[in-house]
Every structure is written in C-alpha cells, then in structure tokens.
C-alpha cells in the first residue's frame, strides 16, 4: 500500500512522505513517515486503513489542553505512543485552531480573531526554531525516527499543518530532500483541507455574520511566508539548517546517518 492508494476521511490532511528524492538520488521510502492531524475523528474504515499502515510509533505533539478539547485518538493495533508537546502558553492559538478547525468548538473563533494575523503566525514559526519546548519536541521526534524500531512513524499535532508541517521539514531536510520539494509538500496542506475550511467558515459566518474572516483565514492555512520566517530564523540563530539540526535539535552524526539509512531506499 502506497501513499497514493489510501486516505483517511476523518483526517483529510494525512499523507505518506514517501517518494521524494533525498541524498544521493535515493527516495524516501514509502510507508516510513506518515503525517496526520489528530486522529480522534477517524471513521471505522479509517481505523482499518491505519491498521494496514501499521505504525510502530505515534508521536503526539499536542499539549494537555489540546488533548482535553479533542476526541480521543483512534489507533489501530498497539503502537508505541510518545507525547512530545510543542506548545507555548504565549501562543494560545494552538488550542483555538484545534477547537475550530477540527469542529470541537466553533465558539473559539474570538480567540482566533485576536490571534489571527499573519504576523502572529510568523511569531509562532520563529518560536518553532528557538523555543525550548519546540527544540525538545522536534529533536526528540527526529531521534525517534532515527531508530528503525519506531518505523513506520506517524506524527501529528491538532490540525496537522504547522507543528506537523515543520517536523516534516526537519525530517525531510535531514535526509537530503531539496527545499522546493519540501515546500511543495508543506503547501499541499491547503489543497487537502480546502473543502473542510470552507465548511467551517460557512458555519462560523452563520454563527457570527460580522466574523472577520480575513483575521481567521491565516490561521487555517499554511503559507509560504510562514515557512520563510522559520527558514530565516534558522539562518539567524544557527547559520545553516545543518547547524540547526545539530546545535538546535541535538542530532549527532550517528542520528543523521541512521535517518538516511532507515528512511531512504
């Protein structure tokens, strides 16, 4: 089963990162890295599909507050579940996005409107690079992926777009995938969630006709400018992505070699 012949109805932003070209022309193996949103709304058929994917390890990047606001994850089999919360109380938008984008609480739109400018999102992406909890979480997840016993590795946050998106950037860069391909996968989130976003925005308009959609939409999308902000912060803080992987996330030569051995054909 490849990433092209499965989908999760209850997790529309789920996908296999296999197929992209990494170091020395070797491709990322299909069925090794799976990125998803939270798994609490999977259908029974989705759970069966997840069982065929058979993740050995599930990394949950959410904080306690996000988990409490969401239905419990539905998992197939008995994968190892590792919680690595990438969360900052200074950015409550994480919980609000979860509640609105996943349909838990449409009343959270007020928080979104207050947090919703692209500048606020840029601040979050800078924090991904330099925040202590972010460095611990993303570094820990990368070390898990370097252990073949944790593969297939499934990783998720709430909506599966920002923290999950940046962890995808970290892992794909570590195995040598080039930036244009990584950017294309990052932006793919918008197409995969477009119908869901429109349904939610329609529901929000019905509840609050004066809704400032322009303030909320930036939180419901991924944008190239957000990714650029993180890349700029990597260069500012570390000089290069390789130094960020090593000094910021604590990855060693052995970790980086294992990632390539385990994830590339």
Protein backbone atom coordinates (compact mmCIF):
# COMPACT_ATOMS: atom_id res chain seq x y z
CA UNK A 1 0.00 0.00 0.00
CA UNK A 2 1.48 3.34 -1.03
CA UNK A 3 0.68 6.89 -0.04
CA UNK A 4 -1.27 7.24 -3.28
CA UNK A 5 -3.80 4.49 -2.59
CA UNK A 6 -5.09 5.34 0.86
CA UNK A 7 -6.77 8.24 2.56
CA UNK A 8 -8.25 8.92 5.97
CA UNK A 9 -11.69 10.52 5.68
CA UNK A 10 -11.58 11.69 9.28
CA UNK A 11 -8.07 13.11 8.90
CA UNK A 12 -8.08 14.81 5.49
CA UNK A 13 -4.56 16.20 5.80
CA UNK A 14 -2.95 12.78 6.30
CA UNK A 15 -0.28 11.62 3.89
CA UNK A 16 2.78 9.46 3.41
CA UNK A 17 6.02 11.40 2.89
CA UNK A 18 7.48 8.63 0.74
CA UNK A 19 8.63 9.17 -2.81
CA UNK A 20 10.56 12.42 -2.53
CA UNK A 21 14.17 12.38 -3.70
CA UNK A 22 16.74 12.68 -0.92
CA UNK A 23 20.51 12.37 -0.62
CA UNK A 24 22.42 10.73 -3.49
CA UNK A 25 19.21 10.45 -5.53
CA UNK A 26 17.72 7.96 -3.07
CA UNK A 27 13.98 8.29 -2.48
CA UNK A 28 12.22 8.49 0.85
CA UNK A 29 10.75 5.06 1.45
CA UNK A 30 7.00 4.74 1.25
CA UNK A 31 5.35 3.67 4.49
CA UNK A 32 8.04 5.02 6.81
CA UNK A 33 6.89 8.57 7.68
CA UNK A 34 3.18 9.38 7.98
CA UNK A 35 1.99 12.89 8.84
CA UNK A 36 -1.58 13.45 10.01
CA UNK A 37 -3.82 15.71 12.04
CA UNK A 38 -5.18 14.39 15.34
CA UNK A 39 -6.86 11.01 14.96
CA UNK A 40 -9.95 11.43 17.11
CA UNK A 41 -12.38 11.71 14.19
CA UNK A 42 -11.30 8.65 12.22
CA UNK A 43 -14.09 6.51 10.80
CA UNK A 44 -14.13 2.75 11.29
CA UNK A 45 -12.79 2.38 7.74
CA UNK A 46 -10.03 4.86 8.57
CA UNK A 47 -9.00 2.76 11.56
CA UNK A 48 -8.82 -0.30 9.30
CA UNK A 49 -6.64 1.66 6.87
CA UNK A 50 -4.41 2.77 9.73
CA UNK A 51 -4.10 -0.87 10.73
CA UNK A 52 -2.76 -1.70 7.28
CA UNK A 53 -0.23 1.15 7.54
CA UNK A 54 0.70 -0.34 10.93
CA UNK A 55 2.63 2.50 12.60
CA UNK A 56 5.07 1.22 15.19
CA UNK A 57 5.24 4.60 16.93
CA UNK A 58 2.84 7.54 17.12
CA UNK A 59 4.26 10.94 18.10
CA UNK A 60 1.71 13.37 19.53
CA UNK A 61 2.90 16.99 19.51
CA UNK A 62 -0.15 18.35 21.38
CA UNK A 63 -0.35 19.85 24.85
CA UNK A 64 -2.71 18.57 27.56
CA UNK A 65 -5.15 21.42 26.86
CA UNK A 66 -5.46 20.41 23.20
CA UNK A 67 -5.90 16.75 24.01
CA UNK A 68 -8.64 17.60 26.52
CA UNK A 69 -10.50 19.62 23.87
CA UNK A 70 -10.46 16.81 21.31
CA UNK A 71 -11.96 13.33 20.98
CA UNK A 72 -9.51 10.59 21.98
CA UNK A 73 -7.26 9.36 19.19
CA UNK A 74 -8.43 6.20 17.48
CA UNK A 75 -5.46 3.91 16.92
CA UNK A 76 -5.10 0.52 15.30
CA UNK A 77 -3.03 -2.14 16.99
CA UNK A 78 -0.81 -1.19 19.89
CA UNK A 79 1.75 1.32 18.61
CA UNK A 80 4.15 2.99 20.99
CA UNK A 81 2.66 6.42 21.75
CA UNK A 82 5.13 9.18 22.60
CA UNK A 83 3.95 12.60 23.69
CA UNK A 84 6.31 15.43 22.83
CA UNK A 85 4.25 18.59 23.42
CA UNK A 86 5.34 21.51 21.27
CA UNK A 87 3.32 24.21 22.94
CA UNK A 88 3.77 27.70 24.34
CA UNK A 89 1.23 29.43 26.56
CA UNK A 90 2.17 32.67 24.83
CA UNK A 91 0.56 31.25 21.67
CA UNK A 92 -2.93 30.03 22.70
CA UNK A 93 -3.81 29.90 19.03
CA UNK A 94 -2.74 26.23 19.05
CA UNK A 95 -5.75 25.24 21.15
CA UNK A 96 -8.14 27.59 19.37
CA UNK A 97 -7.19 26.27 15.94
CA UNK A 98 -7.75 22.74 17.19
CA UNK A 99 -11.19 23.57 18.55
CA UNK A 100 -12.37 25.37 15.41
CA UNK A 101 -10.61 23.57 12.57
CA UNK A 102 -11.49 20.14 13.93
CA UNK A 103 -15.03 21.19 14.84
CA UNK A 104 -14.74 20.78 18.61
CA UNK A 105 -15.86 24.30 19.49
CA UNK A 106 -16.85 26.86 16.88
CA UNK A 107 -17.15 29.39 19.69
CA UNK A 108 -13.37 29.65 19.81
CA UNK A 109 -13.42 31.98 16.82
CA UNK A 110 -13.00 35.01 19.11
CA UNK A 111 -9.59 33.75 20.18
CA UNK A 112 -8.69 33.14 16.56
CA UNK A 113 -9.71 36.64 15.56
CA UNK A 114 -7.43 38.09 18.24
CA UNK A 115 -4.50 35.88 17.24
CA UNK A 116 -5.17 35.62 13.56
CA UNK A 117 -2.87 37.95 11.71
CA UNK A 118 -0.07 36.58 9.53
CA UNK A 119 2.33 38.40 11.87
CA UNK A 120 1.10 36.25 14.77
CA UNK A 121 1.67 33.12 12.72
CA UNK A 122 5.16 34.31 11.82
CA UNK A 123 5.89 34.65 15.52
CA UNK A 124 4.85 31.04 16.06
CA UNK A 125 7.13 29.84 13.29
CA UNK A 126 10.09 31.74 14.75
CA UNK A 127 9.32 30.07 18.07
CA UNK A 128 9.38 26.66 16.36
CA UNK A 129 13.09 27.22 15.76
CA UNK A 130 14.21 28.81 19.02
CA UNK A 131 11.60 27.90 21.66
CA UNK A 132 12.83 25.41 24.24
CA UNK A 133 9.74 23.18 24.09
CA UNK A 134 9.88 23.24 20.31
CA UNK A 135 13.54 22.24 20.17
CA UNK A 136 12.98 19.45 22.68
CA UNK A 137 9.90 18.15 20.86
CA UNK A 138 11.19 18.31 17.30
CA UNK A 139 14.60 16.96 18.30
CA UNK A 140 13.02 14.12 20.23
CA UNK A 141 10.80 13.19 17.30
CA UNK A 142 13.76 13.17 14.92
CA UNK A 143 15.69 10.86 17.24
CA UNK A 144 12.71 8.51 17.33
CA UNK A 145 12.70 8.42 13.52
CA UNK A 146 16.40 7.51 13.60
CA UNK A 147 15.53 4.25 15.41
CA UNK A 148 14.30 1.63 12.95
CA UNK A 149 12.21 0.07 15.70
CA UNK A 150 9.92 3.12 15.63
CA UNK A 151 9.12 2.81 11.92
CA UNK A 152 6.63 3.32 10.44
CA UNK A 153 6.47 6.57 12.43
CA UNK A 154 3.21 8.52 12.46
CA UNK A 155 3.34 12.07 13.82
CA UNK A 156 0.64 14.64 14.37
CA UNK A 157 -0.42 17.77 16.22
CA UNK A 158 -4.02 19.04 16.16
CA UNK A 159 -4.75 20.26 12.65
CA UNK A 160 -1.64 18.59 11.24
CA UNK A 161 -0.42 21.69 9.45
CA UNK A 162 2.03 23.86 11.43
CA UNK A 163 3.92 21.80 14.02
CA UNK A 164 3.43 18.67 11.94
CA UNK A 165 4.47 20.67 8.89
CA UNK A 166 7.67 21.91 10.50
CA UNK A 167 8.57 18.43 11.77
CA UNK A 168 8.15 17.22 8.18
CA UNK A 169 10.55 19.96 7.08
CA UNK A 170 13.07 18.85 9.72
CA UNK A 171 12.93 15.17 8.78
CA UNK A 172 12.97 15.69 5.03
CA UNK A 173 15.82 18.18 5.20
CA UNK A 174 17.79 15.78 7.40
CA UNK A 175 17.63 13.10 4.69
CA UNK A 176 18.58 15.48 1.90
CA UNK A 177 15.27 16.34 0.20
CA UNK A 178 15.63 19.71 -1.53
CA UNK A 179 13.80 22.82 -0.38
CA UNK A 180 11.41 23.17 -3.38
CA UNK A 181 10.09 19.63 -2.87
CA UNK A 182 9.73 20.21 0.86
CA UNK A 183 7.89 23.47 0.24
CA UNK A 184 5.52 21.77 -2.20
CA UNK A 185 4.59 19.15 0.39
CA UNK A 186 4.14 21.82 3.06
CA UNK A 187 1.77 23.82 0.83
CA UNK A 188 -0.14 20.69 -0.20
CA UNK A 189 -1.99 21.02 3.10
CA UNK A 190 -4.10 23.84 1.67
CA UNK A 191 -5.48 21.77 -1.19
CA UNK A 192 -6.16 18.78 1.06
CA UNK A 193 -8.14 20.84 3.57
CA UNK A 194 -9.85 23.39 1.32
CA UNK A 195 -13.34 21.88 1.44
CA UNK A 196 -13.10 21.44 5.22
CA UNK A 197 -12.04 25.07 5.68
CA UNK A 198 -14.94 26.34 3.60
CA UNK A 199 -17.46 24.27 5.58
CA UNK A 200 -16.10 25.63 8.84
CA UNK A 201 -16.00 29.22 7.60
CA UNK A 202 -19.62 28.91 6.45
CA UNK A 203 -20.60 27.64 9.89
CA UNK A 204 -18.72 30.49 11.54
CA UNK A 205 -20.45 33.07 9.30
CA UNK A 206 -23.83 31.64 10.25
CA UNK A 207 -22.98 31.99 13.95
CA UNK A 208 -21.36 35.38 13.67
CA UNK A 209 -22.13 37.31 10.45
CA UNK A 210 -19.65 40.04 11.35
CA UNK A 211 -16.86 37.46 11.56
CA UNK A 212 -13.57 38.95 10.48
CA UNK A 213 -12.72 36.19 8.03
CA UNK A 214 -9.54 37.97 6.97
CA UNK A 215 -8.27 37.60 10.54
CA UNK A 216 -9.13 33.93 10.88
CA UNK A 217 -8.23 32.51 7.48
CA UNK A 218 -4.45 32.98 8.03
CA UNK A 219 -4.69 30.54 10.93
CA UNK A 220 -6.50 27.93 8.87
CA UNK A 221 -3.92 27.87 6.09
CA UNK A 222 -0.25 27.24 5.62
CA UNK A 223 1.60 29.93 3.71
CA UNK A 224 4.98 30.18 2.10
CA UNK A 225 5.68 33.29 4.14
CA UNK A 226 5.31 31.29 7.37
CA UNK A 227 7.84 28.74 6.16
CA UNK A 228 10.17 31.51 5.02
CA UNK A 229 10.03 33.02 8.51
CA UNK A 230 11.19 29.73 10.04
CA UNK A 231 13.97 29.32 7.49
CA UNK A 232 15.10 32.89 8.17
CA UNK A 233 15.15 32.18 11.90
CA UNK A 234 17.23 29.06 11.31
CA UNK A 235 19.81 31.13 9.43
CA UNK A 236 19.74 33.91 12.01
CA UNK A 237 20.12 31.62 15.01
CA UNK A 238 22.32 28.87 13.58
CA UNK A 239 23.74 29.97 10.24
CA UNK A 240 22.56 26.87 8.37
CA UNK A 241 19.97 24.11 8.60
CA UNK A 242 22.69 21.57 9.29
CA UNK A 243 23.82 23.54 12.34
CA UNK A 244 20.19 23.85 13.46
CA UNK A 245 19.79 20.08 13.26
CA UNK A 246 22.94 19.57 15.30
CA UNK A 247 23.06 22.51 17.72
CA UNK A 248 19.37 23.38 17.93
CA UNK A 249 17.87 19.89 17.92
CA UNK A 250 20.81 17.92 19.30
CA UNK A 251 21.17 15.47 16.42
CA UNK A 252 24.54 13.76 16.08
CA UNK A 253 26.33 12.36 13.04
CA UNK A 254 25.00 8.95 14.11
CA UNK A 255 21.42 10.20 14.21
CA UNK A 256 21.70 11.82 10.79
CA UNK A 257 23.29 8.72 9.27
CA UNK A 258 20.60 6.49 10.78
CA UNK A 259 17.83 8.74 9.44
CA UNK A 260 19.21 8.33 5.91
CA UNK A 261 19.79 4.59 6.33
CA UNK A 262 16.30 3.99 7.72
CA UNK A 263 14.26 6.36 5.57
CA UNK A 264 15.90 6.29 2.13
CA UNK A 265 15.81 3.47 -0.43
